[in-house]
């Protein structure tokens, strides 16, 4: 079961299996399809840094589509990579040591309720009053409970 870290209060997984357990508990995954070492290397070769595993939450409850996840061993390197790739900045959600790419607003809401936050590395990002915003690991990135795309 994912635990809450002392640093920032975000859920922590510690391994791809624990991240899968977290997603199964939160989203009701039918099964978890773990990434092979070769698949992780392919993601790294595409520029994603700081990761050491990942997978996919297959057939989550509600039928909203699969949710991909990555486990992170170096959050600073990961956020630097996300900041450099604008295509990766679309509602990516993070815990203390893992990230999730949800496929629907319902999944985003469930993940927010479970303690994950959006990673926002958009230049000049400003959340509306009342939103939670904390500095990320690198300048120009923040964690927040606000997403302009969330209905």
N, C-alpha and C. Protein backbone atom coordinates (compact mmCIF):
# COMPACT_ATOMS: atom_id res chain seq x y z
N UNK A 1 0.85 -1.19 0.00
CA UNK A 1 0.00 0.00 0.00
C UNK A 1 0.89 1.24 0.00
N UNK A 2 0.52 2.21 -0.77
CA UNK A 2 1.29 3.45 -0.84
C UNK A 2 1.23 4.17 0.50
N UNK A 3 2.33 4.76 0.85
CA UNK A 3 2.37 5.51 2.10
C UNK A 3 2.48 6.99 1.79
N UNK A 4 2.25 7.80 2.80
CA UNK A 4 2.39 9.24 2.63
C UNK A 4 3.78 9.60 3.12
N UNK A 5 4.52 10.30 2.29
CA UNK A 5 5.90 10.65 2.65
C UNK A 5 5.91 11.83 3.61
N UNK A 6 7.01 11.94 4.33
CA UNK A 6 7.17 13.06 5.25
C UNK A 6 7.40 14.36 4.50
N UNK A 7 7.90 14.26 3.28
CA UNK A 7 8.26 15.43 2.49
C UNK A 7 7.08 15.84 1.60
N UNK A 8 6.35 16.84 2.00
CA UNK A 8 5.28 17.36 1.16
C UNK A 8 3.95 16.67 1.33
N UNK A 9 3.92 15.50 1.94
CA UNK A 9 2.66 14.81 2.16
C UNK A 9 2.09 14.11 0.96
N UNK A 10 2.84 13.99 -0.13
CA UNK A 10 2.35 13.27 -1.31
C UNK A 10 2.48 11.78 -1.09
N UNK A 11 1.56 10.98 -1.64
CA UNK A 11 1.69 9.53 -1.54
C UNK A 11 3.00 9.06 -2.16
N UNK A 12 3.59 8.04 -1.54
CA UNK A 12 4.84 7.46 -2.00
C UNK A 12 4.61 5.99 -2.31
N UNK A 13 5.21 5.50 -3.40
CA UNK A 13 5.01 4.11 -3.78
C UNK A 13 6.24 3.25 -3.50
N UNK A 14 7.43 3.71 -3.85
CA UNK A 14 8.64 2.95 -3.58
C UNK A 14 9.01 1.92 -4.63
N UNK A 15 8.04 1.45 -5.41
CA UNK A 15 8.32 0.46 -6.45
C UNK A 15 7.17 0.47 -7.46
N UNK A 16 7.41 -0.07 -8.66
CA UNK A 16 6.31 -0.18 -9.62
C UNK A 16 5.13 -0.99 -9.05
N UNK A 17 5.42 -2.04 -8.29
CA UNK A 17 4.35 -2.86 -7.72
C UNK A 17 3.50 -2.04 -6.76
N UNK A 18 4.17 -1.24 -5.90
CA UNK A 18 3.41 -0.42 -4.95
C UNK A 18 2.63 0.68 -5.67
N UNK A 19 3.19 1.25 -6.74
CA UNK A 19 2.44 2.24 -7.53
C UNK A 19 1.23 1.57 -8.17
N UNK A 20 1.40 0.35 -8.67
CA UNK A 20 0.28 -0.40 -9.23
C UNK A 20 -0.79 -0.67 -8.19
N UNK A 21 -0.36 -1.03 -6.97
CA UNK A 21 -1.32 -1.25 -5.88
C UNK A 21 -2.08 0.03 -5.56
N UNK A 22 -1.37 1.15 -5.53
CA UNK A 22 -2.00 2.45 -5.28
C UNK A 22 -3.07 2.73 -6.34
N UNK A 23 -2.73 2.52 -7.61
CA UNK A 23 -3.69 2.79 -8.69
C UNK A 23 -4.85 1.81 -8.66
N UNK A 24 -4.58 0.56 -8.33
CA UNK A 24 -5.66 -0.42 -8.23
C UNK A 24 -6.64 -0.01 -7.15
N UNK A 25 -6.10 0.44 -6.01
CA UNK A 25 -6.96 0.89 -4.91
C UNK A 25 -7.71 2.16 -5.23
N UNK A 26 -7.09 3.05 -6.01
CA UNK A 26 -7.71 4.34 -6.31
C UNK A 26 -8.64 4.28 -7.52
N UNK A 27 -8.18 3.63 -8.59
CA UNK A 27 -8.93 3.63 -9.84
C UNK A 27 -9.65 2.32 -10.13
N UNK A 28 -9.37 1.28 -9.37
CA UNK A 28 -10.01 -0.01 -9.59
C UNK A 28 -9.52 -0.71 -10.86
N UNK A 29 -8.20 -0.73 -11.05
CA UNK A 29 -7.63 -1.37 -12.24
C UNK A 29 -7.99 -2.84 -12.29
N UNK A 30 -8.33 -3.33 -13.47
CA UNK A 30 -8.58 -4.75 -13.67
C UNK A 30 -7.29 -5.53 -13.44
N UNK A 31 -6.19 -5.00 -13.96
CA UNK A 31 -4.85 -5.57 -13.76
C UNK A 31 -3.82 -4.48 -14.02
N UNK A 32 -2.60 -4.75 -13.59
CA UNK A 32 -1.49 -3.83 -13.83
C UNK A 32 -0.53 -4.50 -14.81
N UNK A 33 -0.23 -3.80 -15.88
CA UNK A 33 0.73 -4.28 -16.88
C UNK A 33 2.03 -3.52 -16.64
N UNK A 34 3.02 -4.19 -16.06
CA UNK A 34 4.28 -3.53 -15.73
C UNK A 34 5.17 -3.40 -16.96
N UNK A 35 5.87 -2.29 -17.03
CA UNK A 35 6.81 -2.06 -18.13
C UNK A 35 8.02 -2.98 -17.97
N UNK A 36 8.49 -3.50 -19.08
CA UNK A 36 9.71 -4.32 -19.07
C UNK A 36 10.91 -3.38 -18.99
N UNK A 37 12.07 -3.90 -18.59
CA UNK A 37 13.27 -3.05 -18.58
C UNK A 37 13.52 -2.42 -19.96
N UNK A 38 13.26 -3.15 -21.02
CA UNK A 38 13.45 -2.60 -22.38
C UNK A 38 12.49 -1.43 -22.64
N UNK A 39 11.24 -1.56 -22.20
CA UNK A 39 10.27 -0.47 -22.38
C UNK A 39 10.69 0.76 -21.58
N UNK A 40 11.21 0.55 -20.37
CA UNK A 40 11.69 1.69 -19.56
C UNK A 40 12.86 2.36 -20.27
N UNK A 41 13.76 1.57 -20.83
CA UNK A 41 14.89 2.13 -21.58
C UNK A 41 14.41 2.93 -22.78
N UNK A 42 13.36 2.46 -23.46
CA UNK A 42 12.82 3.20 -24.61
C UNK A 42 12.26 4.55 -24.18
N UNK A 43 11.58 4.60 -23.06
CA UNK A 43 11.04 5.86 -22.54
C UNK A 43 12.20 6.79 -22.18
N UNK A 44 13.23 6.24 -21.57
CA UNK A 44 14.41 7.05 -21.23
C UNK A 44 15.08 7.57 -22.50
N UNK A 45 15.15 6.75 -23.53
CA UNK A 45 15.78 7.16 -24.79
C UNK A 45 15.00 8.29 -25.47
N UNK A 46 13.70 8.39 -25.17
CA UNK A 46 12.87 9.47 -25.73
C UNK A 46 13.00 10.76 -24.92
N UNK A 47 13.87 10.75 -23.90
CA UNK A 47 14.13 11.98 -23.15
C UNK A 47 13.58 12.02 -21.75
N UNK A 48 12.84 11.02 -21.33
CA UNK A 48 12.29 11.02 -19.98
C UNK A 48 13.37 10.54 -19.01
N UNK A 49 13.77 11.39 -18.10
CA UNK A 49 14.87 11.11 -17.17
C UNK A 49 14.34 10.88 -15.76
N UNK A 50 15.17 10.24 -14.95
CA UNK A 50 14.85 10.07 -13.54
C UNK A 50 13.90 8.94 -13.22
N UNK A 51 13.55 8.11 -14.21
CA UNK A 51 12.59 7.03 -13.97
C UNK A 51 13.31 5.69 -13.83
N UNK A 52 12.65 4.76 -13.14
CA UNK A 52 13.21 3.43 -12.99
C UNK A 52 12.19 2.32 -13.18
N UNK A 53 11.00 2.65 -13.63
CA UNK A 53 9.96 1.64 -13.85
C UNK A 53 8.66 2.30 -14.25
N UNK A 54 7.66 1.47 -14.38
CA UNK A 54 6.35 2.01 -14.73
C UNK A 54 5.42 0.92 -15.18
N UNK A 55 4.33 1.34 -15.79
CA UNK A 55 3.35 0.39 -16.26
C UNK A 55 2.05 1.07 -16.63
N UNK A 56 1.01 0.25 -16.63
CA UNK A 56 -0.30 0.74 -17.06
C UNK A 56 -1.37 0.10 -16.19
N UNK A 57 -2.31 0.94 -15.77
CA UNK A 57 -3.51 0.48 -15.07
C UNK A 57 -4.51 0.12 -16.16
N UNK A 58 -4.68 -1.19 -16.39
CA UNK A 58 -5.56 -1.66 -17.45
C UNK A 58 -7.01 -1.74 -16.98
N UNK A 59 -7.91 -1.29 -17.84
CA UNK A 59 -9.35 -1.39 -17.62
C UNK A 59 -9.80 -0.92 -16.24
N UNK A 60 -9.51 0.34 -15.89
CA UNK A 60 -9.96 0.83 -14.59
C UNK A 60 -11.48 0.88 -14.51
N UNK A 61 -12.00 0.83 -13.29
CA UNK A 61 -13.44 0.92 -13.08
C UNK A 61 -13.95 2.21 -13.72
N UNK A 62 -15.10 2.16 -14.30
CA UNK A 62 -15.67 3.33 -14.96
C UNK A 62 -15.38 3.36 -16.45
N UNK A 63 -14.49 2.48 -16.92
CA UNK A 63 -14.22 2.37 -18.35
C UNK A 63 -13.69 3.63 -19.01
N UNK A 64 -12.90 4.42 -18.26
CA UNK A 64 -12.43 5.71 -18.79
C UNK A 64 -11.12 5.61 -19.55
N UNK A 65 -10.62 4.44 -19.79
CA UNK A 65 -9.35 4.28 -20.50
C UNK A 65 -8.22 4.01 -19.53
N UNK A 66 -7.16 3.42 -20.04
CA UNK A 66 -6.02 3.02 -19.23
C UNK A 66 -5.25 4.25 -18.74
N UNK A 67 -4.64 4.13 -17.58
CA UNK A 67 -3.81 5.18 -17.02
C UNK A 67 -2.37 4.67 -16.94
N UNK A 68 -1.45 5.38 -17.56
CA UNK A 68 -0.03 5.02 -17.52
C UNK A 68 0.60 5.59 -16.27
N UNK A 69 1.67 4.93 -15.79
CA UNK A 69 2.41 5.47 -14.64
C UNK A 69 3.89 5.18 -14.78
N UNK A 70 4.68 6.02 -14.13
CA UNK A 70 6.13 5.87 -14.07
C UNK A 70 6.56 5.96 -12.62
N UNK A 71 7.54 5.15 -12.24
CA UNK A 71 8.14 5.32 -10.92
C UNK A 71 9.42 6.14 -11.10
N UNK A 72 9.67 6.99 -10.14
CA UNK A 72 10.70 8.02 -10.28
C UNK A 72 11.77 7.84 -9.21
N UNK A 73 13.03 7.75 -9.64
CA UNK A 73 14.14 7.65 -8.69
C UNK A 73 14.83 8.99 -8.50
N UNK A 74 14.62 9.93 -9.42
CA UNK A 74 15.24 11.26 -9.33
C UNK A 74 14.21 12.29 -9.79
N UNK A 75 13.48 12.85 -8.81
CA UNK A 75 12.38 13.77 -9.14
C UNK A 75 12.89 15.03 -9.83
N UNK A 76 14.06 15.52 -9.47
CA UNK A 76 14.59 16.71 -10.12
C UNK A 76 14.86 16.45 -11.61
N UNK A 77 15.48 15.32 -11.92
CA UNK A 77 15.74 14.96 -13.33
C UNK A 77 14.43 14.76 -14.08
N UNK A 78 13.45 14.14 -13.41
CA UNK A 78 12.14 13.90 -14.04
C UNK A 78 11.46 15.23 -14.36
N UNK A 79 11.39 16.14 -13.40
CA UNK A 79 10.72 17.41 -13.63
C UNK A 79 11.47 18.25 -14.67
N UNK A 80 12.79 18.15 -14.70
CA UNK A 80 13.56 18.85 -15.73
C UNK A 80 13.18 18.33 -17.12
N UNK A 81 13.02 17.01 -17.25
CA UNK A 81 12.63 16.41 -18.53
C UNK A 81 11.21 16.82 -18.93
N UNK A 82 10.30 16.83 -17.96
CA UNK A 82 8.92 17.23 -18.25
C UNK A 82 8.88 18.70 -18.68
N UNK A 83 9.62 19.54 -17.97
CA UNK A 83 9.65 20.96 -18.30
C UNK A 83 10.15 21.20 -19.72
N UNK A 84 11.10 20.38 -20.16
CA UNK A 84 11.69 20.54 -21.50
C UNK A 84 10.79 20.02 -22.62
N UNK A 85 9.78 19.21 -22.28
CA UNK A 85 8.92 18.59 -23.29
C UNK A 85 7.47 19.02 -23.06
N UNK A 86 7.04 20.05 -23.79
CA UNK A 86 5.69 20.60 -23.58
C UNK A 86 4.60 19.57 -23.80
N UNK A 87 4.84 18.55 -24.62
CA UNK A 87 3.83 17.52 -24.86
C UNK A 87 3.57 16.67 -23.62
N UNK A 88 4.53 16.64 -22.70
CA UNK A 88 4.39 15.84 -21.48
C UNK A 88 3.68 16.60 -20.36
N UNK A 89 3.27 17.82 -20.60
CA UNK A 89 2.74 18.65 -19.52
C UNK A 89 1.22 18.66 -19.44
N UNK A 90 0.58 17.72 -20.05
CA UNK A 90 -0.88 17.71 -20.09
C UNK A 90 -1.45 16.88 -18.94
N UNK A 91 -1.70 17.54 -17.81
CA UNK A 91 -2.35 16.92 -16.66
C UNK A 91 -1.62 15.71 -16.09
N UNK A 92 -0.30 15.73 -16.12
CA UNK A 92 0.50 14.71 -15.46
C UNK A 92 0.36 14.92 -13.96
N UNK A 93 0.13 13.83 -13.24
CA UNK A 93 -0.07 13.93 -11.79
C UNK A 93 1.05 13.17 -11.09
N UNK A 94 1.49 13.71 -9.95
CA UNK A 94 2.61 13.08 -9.26
C UNK A 94 2.34 12.84 -7.79
N UNK A 95 3.02 11.80 -7.31
CA UNK A 95 3.16 11.54 -5.89
C UNK A 95 4.59 11.88 -5.52
N UNK A 96 5.05 11.37 -4.42
CA UNK A 96 6.41 11.65 -3.96
C UNK A 96 7.46 11.01 -4.88
N UNK A 97 7.15 9.83 -5.42
CA UNK A 97 8.13 9.11 -6.23
C UNK A 97 7.51 8.34 -7.40
N UNK A 98 6.36 8.81 -7.86
CA UNK A 98 5.75 8.23 -9.06
C UNK A 98 4.86 9.27 -9.73
N UNK A 99 4.60 9.04 -11.01
CA UNK A 99 3.77 9.94 -11.81
C UNK A 99 2.71 9.13 -12.54
N UNK A 100 1.56 9.74 -12.75
CA UNK A 100 0.44 9.07 -13.42
C UNK A 100 -0.06 9.98 -14.53
N UNK A 101 -0.33 9.37 -15.67
CA UNK A 101 -0.95 10.07 -16.79
C UNK A 101 -2.37 9.55 -16.91
N UNK A 102 -3.32 10.19 -16.21
CA UNK A 102 -4.71 9.72 -16.25
C UNK A 102 -5.34 9.98 -17.61
N UNK A 103 -6.40 9.22 -17.90
CA UNK A 103 -7.02 9.34 -19.22
C UNK A 103 -8.39 10.00 -19.19
N UNK A 104 -8.84 10.46 -18.02
CA UNK A 104 -10.15 11.11 -17.96
C UNK A 104 -10.22 12.06 -16.78
N UNK A 105 -11.19 12.97 -16.82
CA UNK A 105 -11.42 13.87 -15.70
C UNK A 105 -11.82 13.10 -14.44
N UNK A 106 -12.62 12.03 -14.60
CA UNK A 106 -13.00 11.23 -13.43
C UNK A 106 -11.76 10.65 -12.75
N UNK A 107 -10.81 10.14 -13.56
CA UNK A 107 -9.57 9.61 -12.97
C UNK A 107 -8.79 10.73 -12.29
N UNK A 108 -8.72 11.90 -12.91
CA UNK A 108 -8.01 13.03 -12.31
C UNK A 108 -8.60 13.37 -10.95
N UNK A 109 -9.93 13.41 -10.86
CA UNK A 109 -10.59 13.72 -9.59
C UNK A 109 -10.29 12.66 -8.54
N UNK A 110 -10.35 11.39 -8.93
CA UNK A 110 -10.07 10.31 -7.99
C UNK A 110 -8.62 10.38 -7.49
N UNK A 111 -7.69 10.68 -8.40
CA UNK A 111 -6.29 10.78 -8.02
C UNK A 111 -6.04 11.99 -7.12
N UNK A 112 -6.72 13.10 -7.39
CA UNK A 112 -6.63 14.28 -6.50
C UNK A 112 -7.11 13.92 -5.10
N UNK A 113 -8.23 13.22 -5.03
CA UNK A 113 -8.78 12.84 -3.72
C UNK A 113 -7.85 11.89 -2.98
N UNK A 114 -7.05 11.13 -3.72
CA UNK A 114 -6.12 10.18 -3.09
C UNK A 114 -4.80 10.85 -2.70
N UNK A 115 -4.64 12.14 -3.01
CA UNK A 115 -3.47 12.87 -2.57
C UNK A 115 -2.47 13.25 -3.64
N UNK A 116 -2.65 12.79 -4.89
CA UNK A 116 -1.75 13.21 -5.95
C UNK A 116 -2.05 14.64 -6.36
N UNK A 117 -1.06 15.30 -6.94
CA UNK A 117 -1.23 16.67 -7.43
C UNK A 117 -0.79 16.75 -8.88
N UNK A 118 -1.26 17.76 -9.57
CA UNK A 118 -0.81 18.00 -10.94
C UNK A 118 0.59 18.58 -10.91
N UNK A 119 1.41 18.15 -11.86
CA UNK A 119 2.72 18.76 -12.07
C UNK A 119 2.56 19.76 -13.19
N UNK A 120 2.81 21.02 -12.89
CA UNK A 120 2.66 22.07 -13.90
C UNK A 120 4.00 22.77 -14.10
N UNK A 121 4.52 22.68 -15.31
CA UNK A 121 5.79 23.33 -15.65
C UNK A 121 5.57 24.36 -16.76
N UNK A 122 4.34 24.85 -16.87
CA UNK A 122 4.01 25.86 -17.87
C UNK A 122 4.60 27.20 -17.46
N UNK A 123 5.27 27.89 -18.39
CA UNK A 123 5.83 29.20 -18.04
C UNK A 123 4.74 30.16 -17.53
N UNK A 124 5.06 30.89 -16.48
CA UNK A 124 4.17 31.90 -15.90
C UNK A 124 2.86 31.33 -15.37
N UNK A 125 2.87 30.07 -14.94
CA UNK A 125 1.66 29.44 -14.40
C UNK A 125 1.18 30.18 -13.16
N UNK A 126 -0.11 30.47 -13.14
CA UNK A 126 -0.77 31.07 -11.98
C UNK A 126 -2.08 30.33 -11.75
N UNK A 127 -2.22 29.78 -10.57
CA UNK A 127 -3.47 29.12 -10.22
C UNK A 127 -4.42 30.14 -9.61
N UNK A 128 -5.72 29.91 -9.74
CA UNK A 128 -6.68 30.84 -9.14
C UNK A 128 -6.60 30.82 -7.60
N UNK A 129 -7.05 31.88 -7.02
CA UNK A 129 -7.10 31.99 -5.57
C UNK A 129 -7.83 30.79 -4.98
N UNK A 130 -7.31 30.26 -3.88
CA UNK A 130 -7.92 29.12 -3.23
C UNK A 130 -7.33 27.79 -3.65
N UNK A 131 -6.50 27.79 -4.69
CA UNK A 131 -5.85 26.56 -5.14
C UNK A 131 -4.57 26.34 -4.35
N UNK A 132 -4.19 25.10 -4.21
CA UNK A 132 -2.93 24.74 -3.58
C UNK A 132 -1.84 24.75 -4.63
N UNK A 133 -0.75 25.45 -4.37
CA UNK A 133 0.40 25.47 -5.28
C UNK A 133 1.67 25.43 -4.43
N UNK A 134 2.54 24.47 -4.73
CA UNK A 134 3.83 24.38 -4.06
C UNK A 134 4.92 24.32 -5.11
N UNK A 135 6.09 24.84 -4.76
CA UNK A 135 7.21 24.80 -5.68
C UNK A 135 7.58 23.36 -6.00
N UNK A 136 7.93 23.13 -7.27
CA UNK A 136 8.42 21.82 -7.68
C UNK A 136 9.89 21.67 -7.34
N UNK A 137 10.48 20.62 -7.84
CA UNK A 137 11.89 20.34 -7.59
C UNK A 137 12.81 21.21 -8.46
N UNK A 138 12.29 21.76 -9.55
CA UNK A 138 13.09 22.62 -10.42
C UNK A 138 12.36 23.95 -10.63
N UNK A 139 13.12 25.00 -10.86
CA UNK A 139 12.51 26.31 -11.12
C UNK A 139 11.58 26.21 -12.31
N UNK A 140 10.40 26.79 -12.18
CA UNK A 140 9.44 26.78 -13.27
C UNK A 140 8.44 25.65 -13.22
N UNK A 141 8.58 24.75 -12.25
CA UNK A 141 7.60 23.68 -12.07
C UNK A 141 6.94 23.84 -10.70
N UNK A 142 5.68 23.45 -10.63
CA UNK A 142 4.92 23.51 -9.39
C UNK A 142 4.02 22.30 -9.29
N UNK A 143 3.66 21.93 -8.07
CA UNK A 143 2.62 20.93 -7.86
C UNK A 143 1.39 21.68 -7.39
N UNK A 144 0.25 21.27 -7.90
CA UNK A 144 -0.98 22.01 -7.63
C UNK A 144 -2.20 21.11 -7.72
N UNK A 145 -3.25 21.53 -7.05
CA UNK A 145 -4.52 20.80 -7.17
C UNK A 145 -5.40 21.41 -8.27
N UNK A 146 -4.84 22.33 -9.01
CA UNK A 146 -5.60 23.03 -10.06
C UNK A 146 -5.14 22.59 -11.45
N UNK A 147 -6.12 22.37 -12.31
CA UNK A 147 -5.85 22.14 -13.73
C UNK A 147 -6.90 22.89 -14.53
N UNK A 148 -6.46 23.72 -15.46
CA UNK A 148 -7.43 24.46 -16.27
C UNK A 148 -8.22 23.55 -17.18
N UNK A 149 -7.74 22.32 -17.41
CA UNK A 149 -8.45 21.37 -18.27
C UNK A 149 -9.50 20.56 -17.52
N UNK A 150 -9.45 20.56 -16.20
CA UNK A 150 -10.38 19.76 -15.41
C UNK A 150 -11.71 20.49 -15.30
N UNK A 151 -12.75 19.84 -15.79
CA UNK A 151 -14.10 20.44 -15.77
C UNK A 151 -14.67 20.45 -14.37
